[in-house]
Protein backbone atom coordinates (compact mmCIF):
# COMPACT_ATOMS: atom_id res chain seq x y z
CA MET A 1 -117.79 -66.63 -35.60
CA ASN A 2 -119.16 -67.42 -39.14
CA LEU A 3 -119.83 -70.83 -40.50
CA PHE A 4 -116.64 -71.19 -42.30
CA PHE A 5 -114.81 -71.39 -38.98
CA ARG A 6 -117.26 -73.19 -37.20
CA ILE A 7 -117.44 -76.36 -39.19
CA SER A 8 -114.97 -79.12 -39.08
CA ILE A 9 -112.76 -79.61 -42.09
CA LYS A 10 -114.12 -83.14 -42.17
CA LEU A 11 -117.71 -82.05 -43.21
CA ASN A 12 -118.41 -85.15 -45.26
CA THR A 13 -118.20 -87.23 -41.95
CA MET A 14 -120.82 -85.10 -40.28
CA THR A 15 -124.54 -86.42 -39.86
CA VAL A 16 -127.55 -84.46 -41.19
CA LYS A 17 -128.28 -83.57 -37.50
CA GLU A 18 -124.78 -81.88 -36.92
CA ILE A 19 -124.99 -80.04 -40.07
CA LEU A 20 -128.53 -78.73 -39.39
CA THR A 21 -127.24 -77.47 -36.23
CA SER A 22 -124.53 -75.62 -37.50
CA LEU A 23 -126.69 -74.23 -40.05
CA LYS A 24 -129.13 -72.94 -37.40
CA LYS A 25 -126.37 -71.49 -35.46
CA SER A 26 -125.30 -69.36 -38.54
CA GLY A 27 -128.83 -68.11 -39.45
CA SER A 28 -130.00 -64.70 -38.41
CA GLU A 29 -133.54 -63.19 -38.01
CA ARG A 30 -132.42 -60.27 -40.04
CA ASN A 31 -131.63 -62.39 -42.93
CA ARG A 32 -135.01 -64.26 -42.63
CA GLU A 33 -136.75 -60.93 -42.73
CA GLY A 34 -134.68 -59.75 -45.79
CA MET A 35 -135.73 -63.07 -47.56
CA LYS A 36 -139.20 -62.33 -46.99
CA ARG A 37 -138.88 -58.97 -48.61
CA PHE A 38 -137.79 -60.66 -51.71
CA GLY A 39 -140.90 -63.07 -51.64
CA ILE A 40 -138.93 -66.38 -50.44
CA ASN A 41 -140.58 -68.74 -48.21
CA VAL A 42 -139.02 -68.72 -44.79
CA ASP A 43 -141.42 -71.24 -42.94
CA LYS A 44 -138.34 -73.39 -42.55
CA ALA A 45 -135.65 -71.15 -43.10
CA PHE A 46 -132.77 -70.43 -40.78
CA GLY A 47 -131.71 -67.21 -42.81
CA ILE A 48 -128.32 -67.79 -44.29
CA ASN A 49 -126.88 -66.05 -47.25
CA VAL A 50 -126.00 -67.97 -50.39
CA PRO A 51 -122.25 -67.38 -50.29
CA VAL A 52 -122.12 -69.01 -46.69
CA MET A 53 -124.02 -72.07 -48.21
CA ARG A 54 -121.70 -72.35 -50.92
CA ILE A 55 -118.67 -72.34 -48.57
CA LEU A 56 -120.24 -75.34 -46.64
CA ALA A 57 -121.28 -77.12 -49.81
CA LYS A 58 -117.58 -76.65 -51.16
CA ARG A 59 -116.24 -77.96 -47.89
CA ILE A 60 -118.51 -80.99 -47.96
CA GLY A 61 -117.80 -81.74 -51.79
CA LYS A 62 -120.02 -84.20 -53.89
CA ASN A 63 -121.90 -86.40 -51.43
CA HIS A 64 -125.17 -87.74 -53.18
CA GLU A 65 -126.47 -89.95 -50.22
CA LEU A 66 -125.92 -86.88 -47.77
CA ALA A 67 -127.71 -84.65 -50.19
CA LEU A 68 -130.79 -86.97 -50.25
CA LYS A 69 -130.77 -86.97 -46.49
CA LEU A 70 -130.40 -83.13 -46.22
CA TRP A 71 -133.32 -82.56 -48.54
CA GLU A 72 -135.54 -84.92 -46.64
CA SER A 73 -135.14 -82.64 -43.52
CA GLY A 74 -137.34 -79.98 -45.16
CA TYR A 75 -135.22 -77.02 -44.20
CA HIS A 76 -134.78 -74.30 -46.90
CA GLU A 77 -131.09 -73.86 -46.61
CA ALA A 78 -130.42 -77.60 -46.26
CA ARG A 79 -132.21 -78.26 -49.65
CA HIS A 80 -130.14 -75.38 -51.15
CA VAL A 81 -126.92 -77.30 -49.88
CA ALA A 82 -128.30 -80.67 -50.96
CA ALA A 83 -128.76 -79.45 -54.52
CA MET A 84 -125.04 -78.09 -54.39
CA ILE A 85 -123.55 -81.32 -53.24
CA ALA A 86 -125.52 -83.82 -55.18
CA ASN A 87 -124.01 -85.65 -58.07
CA PRO A 88 -125.65 -84.93 -61.34
CA LYS A 89 -124.73 -88.11 -62.88
CA LEU A 90 -126.61 -89.90 -60.21
CA VAL A 91 -129.92 -87.73 -60.79
CA THR A 92 -132.83 -89.65 -62.07
CA LYS A 93 -136.13 -88.47 -63.46
CA SER A 94 -137.79 -89.89 -60.26
CA LEU A 95 -135.60 -87.83 -58.05
CA MET A 96 -136.18 -84.72 -60.14
CA ASN A 97 -139.99 -85.28 -60.18
CA LYS A 98 -140.04 -85.94 -56.39
CA TRP A 99 -137.87 -82.80 -55.77
CA ILE A 100 -139.93 -80.29 -57.53
CA LYS A 101 -143.20 -81.27 -55.67
CA ASP A 102 -141.27 -79.93 -52.63
CA PHE A 103 -140.45 -76.47 -54.30
CA ASN A 104 -142.13 -73.90 -52.25
CA SER A 105 -140.17 -70.89 -53.07
CA TRP A 106 -138.65 -69.35 -56.26
CA ASP A 107 -135.14 -69.22 -54.97
CA LEU A 108 -135.17 -72.93 -54.28
CA VAL A 109 -136.49 -73.55 -57.61
CA ASP A 110 -133.69 -71.49 -59.37
CA GLY A 111 -130.92 -72.80 -57.13
CA THR A 112 -131.77 -76.30 -57.57
CA CYS A 113 -131.89 -75.89 -61.47
CA SER A 114 -128.76 -73.86 -61.53
CA ASN A 115 -126.73 -76.17 -59.30
CA LEU A 116 -128.17 -79.61 -60.17
CA PHE A 117 -130.99 -80.15 -62.75
CA ARG A 118 -129.35 -78.24 -65.61
CA LYS A 119 -126.38 -80.72 -65.41
CA SER A 120 -128.49 -83.86 -65.48
CA GLU A 121 -128.92 -85.89 -68.63
CA TYR A 122 -132.70 -85.38 -68.35
CA ALA A 123 -132.65 -81.58 -68.45
CA TYR A 124 -134.04 -81.08 -71.84
CA GLU A 125 -136.36 -83.86 -71.58
CA MET A 126 -138.22 -82.58 -68.39
CA ILE A 127 -138.93 -79.29 -69.60
CA PRO A 128 -142.11 -79.92 -71.57
CA VAL A 129 -143.16 -82.15 -68.93
CA TRP A 130 -142.93 -79.59 -66.17
CA ALA A 131 -144.35 -76.83 -68.28
CA LYS A 132 -147.61 -78.78 -68.29
CA ARG A 133 -147.75 -78.94 -64.56
CA SER A 134 -150.45 -76.74 -62.85
CA LYS A 135 -148.70 -75.71 -59.56
CA GLU A 136 -146.99 -72.37 -59.81
CA PHE A 137 -143.37 -73.51 -58.65
CA GLU A 138 -143.28 -76.68 -60.72
CA ARG A 139 -144.23 -74.86 -63.87
CA ARG A 140 -141.60 -72.23 -63.06
CA THR A 141 -139.10 -74.99 -62.96
CA ALA A 142 -139.60 -75.79 -66.63
CA PHE A 143 -138.93 -72.04 -67.65
CA SER A 144 -136.10 -71.61 -65.02
CA MET A 145 -134.35 -74.68 -66.80
CA ILE A 146 -134.84 -72.94 -70.29
CA ALA A 147 -133.10 -69.86 -68.90
CA TYR A 148 -130.20 -71.60 -67.20
CA LEU A 149 -129.47 -74.03 -70.17
CA ALA A 150 -129.71 -70.96 -72.45
CA VAL A 151 -126.90 -69.26 -70.61
CA HIS A 152 -124.75 -72.39 -69.60
CA ASP A 153 -125.05 -75.05 -72.17
CA LYS A 154 -122.66 -73.54 -74.73
CA LYS A 155 -122.22 -76.80 -76.58
CA LYS A 156 -125.75 -77.12 -77.57
CA PRO A 157 -126.73 -75.93 -81.04
CA ASP A 158 -128.98 -72.75 -80.99
CA GLU A 159 -131.52 -74.61 -83.18
CA GLU A 160 -132.17 -76.95 -80.06
CA PHE A 161 -133.83 -73.84 -77.99
CA LEU A 162 -136.31 -73.19 -80.80
CA GLN A 163 -138.51 -75.88 -79.33
CA PHE A 164 -139.14 -74.08 -76.30
CA LEU A 165 -140.53 -70.98 -78.18
CA HIS A 166 -143.91 -72.54 -78.25
CA LEU A 167 -143.90 -73.14 -74.64
CA ILE A 168 -143.13 -69.48 -74.06
CA ILE A 169 -146.06 -68.50 -76.24
CA LYS A 170 -148.37 -71.00 -74.52
CA TYR A 171 -147.64 -70.26 -71.04
CA SER A 172 -147.20 -66.45 -71.51
CA THR A 173 -150.92 -65.99 -70.33
CA ASP A 174 -150.19 -67.57 -66.97
CA GLU A 175 -150.77 -64.48 -64.66
CA ARG A 176 -148.99 -65.90 -61.54
CA ASN A 177 -146.11 -64.07 -60.71
CA PHE A 178 -143.52 -66.60 -60.45
CA VAL A 179 -144.37 -68.10 -63.51
CA LYS A 180 -144.76 -65.10 -65.76
CA LYS A 181 -141.42 -63.81 -64.53
CA ALA A 182 -139.70 -67.09 -65.43
CA VAL A 183 -141.31 -67.18 -68.92
CA ASN A 184 -140.00 -63.68 -69.36
CA TRP A 185 -136.52 -64.78 -68.11
CA ALA A 186 -136.58 -67.69 -70.42
CA LEU A 187 -137.43 -65.78 -73.51
CA ARG A 188 -134.83 -63.14 -72.91
CA GLN A 189 -131.92 -65.69 -72.19
CA ILE A 190 -132.74 -67.36 -75.37
CA GLY A 191 -132.55 -64.12 -77.29
CA LYS A 192 -129.36 -63.20 -75.70
CA ARG A 193 -127.70 -66.36 -76.71
CA SER A 194 -127.12 -65.42 -80.35
CA LEU A 195 -127.95 -63.01 -83.20
CA PHE A 196 -130.01 -65.88 -84.80
CA LEU A 197 -131.92 -66.51 -81.45
CA ARG A 198 -132.32 -62.88 -80.87
CA GLU A 199 -134.47 -62.51 -84.01
CA GLN A 200 -136.68 -65.69 -83.02
CA ALA A 201 -137.14 -64.28 -79.58
CA ILE A 202 -138.22 -60.93 -81.15
CA LYS A 203 -140.76 -62.41 -83.25
CA VAL A 204 -142.14 -64.34 -80.48
CA ALA A 205 -142.24 -61.27 -78.16
CA GLU A 206 -144.16 -59.32 -81.00
CA GLU A 207 -146.63 -62.28 -81.29
CA ILE A 208 -147.54 -62.74 -77.58
CA LYS A 209 -147.67 -58.95 -77.21
CA ASN A 210 -151.14 -59.11 -79.07
CA ILE A 211 -152.38 -61.74 -76.81
CA ASP A 212 -155.12 -60.53 -74.65
CA SER A 213 -153.39 -61.03 -71.40
CA LYS A 214 -151.75 -58.77 -69.00
CA SER A 215 -149.14 -61.22 -68.51
CA ALA A 216 -148.41 -61.80 -72.10
CA ARG A 217 -148.19 -58.15 -72.81
CA TRP A 218 -145.80 -57.57 -69.74
CA ILE A 219 -143.61 -60.46 -71.03
CA ALA A 220 -143.37 -59.19 -74.40
CA ASN A 221 -142.87 -55.37 -73.46
CA ASP A 222 -139.96 -56.33 -71.08
CA ALA A 223 -138.29 -58.71 -73.48
CA LEU A 224 -138.45 -56.02 -76.38
CA ARG A 225 -137.05 -53.46 -73.93
CA GLU A 226 -134.02 -55.61 -73.41
CA LEU A 227 -133.74 -57.41 -76.74
CA GLY A 228 -134.81 -54.32 -79.07
CA ARG A 229 -137.09 -54.69 -82.04
CA ARG A 230 -136.86 -55.76 -85.39
CA LYS A 231 -135.65 -53.45 -88.03
CA PRO A 232 -138.49 -52.47 -90.52
């Protein structure tokens, strides 16, 4: 029987211990092995698919206090659910800075950015701050945020995204896998936002292609394959 049928309808009244018990019962070693193959840290993971976690989060509803407690449990899936049920309006810069220090896997970075951080009033403000961070997943957070905002923040003027291009140029030389992929992702998503930004992103890709760095060249070539090149 899956998680949807096992958990009581009154999930918002459950304790963290009860939720963790239910999560554990819904996990599988097969899923854990699959997560490993995709480079996900499974040290404290139960092995649960994202759709199952979404069902759980939807049935719990927004519960910021519970989200904080679930995050503190340290369990991988519990932290995913925490990001799903936390209230973006109650998210502070302090909380954001605290949580990113706990990031130990690319999927937790991206899930938290997608489900919570991008919806915070501090989303744009924190990007240049995090880009300066030296740890791999903390820096990835900055570029994951750019990518998600480029896709989802439809009301923001395109010009607002020009400020992030210099960050993409600067950190295109970071050879770490989860950083370079996020930098590339951010550049591509900016370029796909509009024809205007496509031209700007192509210019940046052509610029960083000439940098003496394997990472920069990979980012540039991959972006140009997706965005195309400027007409002569």
